[in-house]
Amino acid sequence: MTITVGAPVDGTVVGLAEVPDDVFRQEMVGAGTAVEPPTGADRAVVLAPVAGTLSTLHPHAFVVGTADGTGVLVHVGIDTVDLRGAPFTLHAARGDVVERGAPVLTVDLAAVRAAGRAVTCPVVVLDAPAGSVRAPTGEPVRAGAELFVWAR
């Protein structure tokens, strides 16, 4: 079983080792990678990385559960939960069925940066063994394009 995971935002693939958060950097919740939105970008529409059901939805993060039960987490920025949803606009609801590439939320990147938070977006296959995701770091990626393929 393989899952093709799409990039939730435009940016540069940086890998979880570059994420300024130990939970992601040490792959405590699963394996994945991260996307750093362009420095000059003020806003980003954040897309579903896979098709499935929005099993968890917060203003700053969401999980899409695939048909086979795999969960893929997108976390928009680091420590953005502290912003209490202010720089985020939701376009979907928990329980919605989404296609890969469907808009889930919009983030005001300038507001996140102004609050002193990183805008890095980790994308994690929940409970996947550490090191099981390979994605080329340092490469540009467009929102919706293939970010990595995960094999179970």
Foldseek 3Di string as FASTA:
>chain_A
DKFFFFFFAWAFWAFQCPAPDCCSNVQVFAHFTKGAHDPPDQKTFTWGGAWAFFQDDDQQKTWGAHPVGKIKIKGFWPPCVVVVNVQKAAPDDGGDTDHGGHGGMMGRVVVCVVVVIGRMITIGGGPYDYPQWDFDGRGTHHGRDGGTMGDD
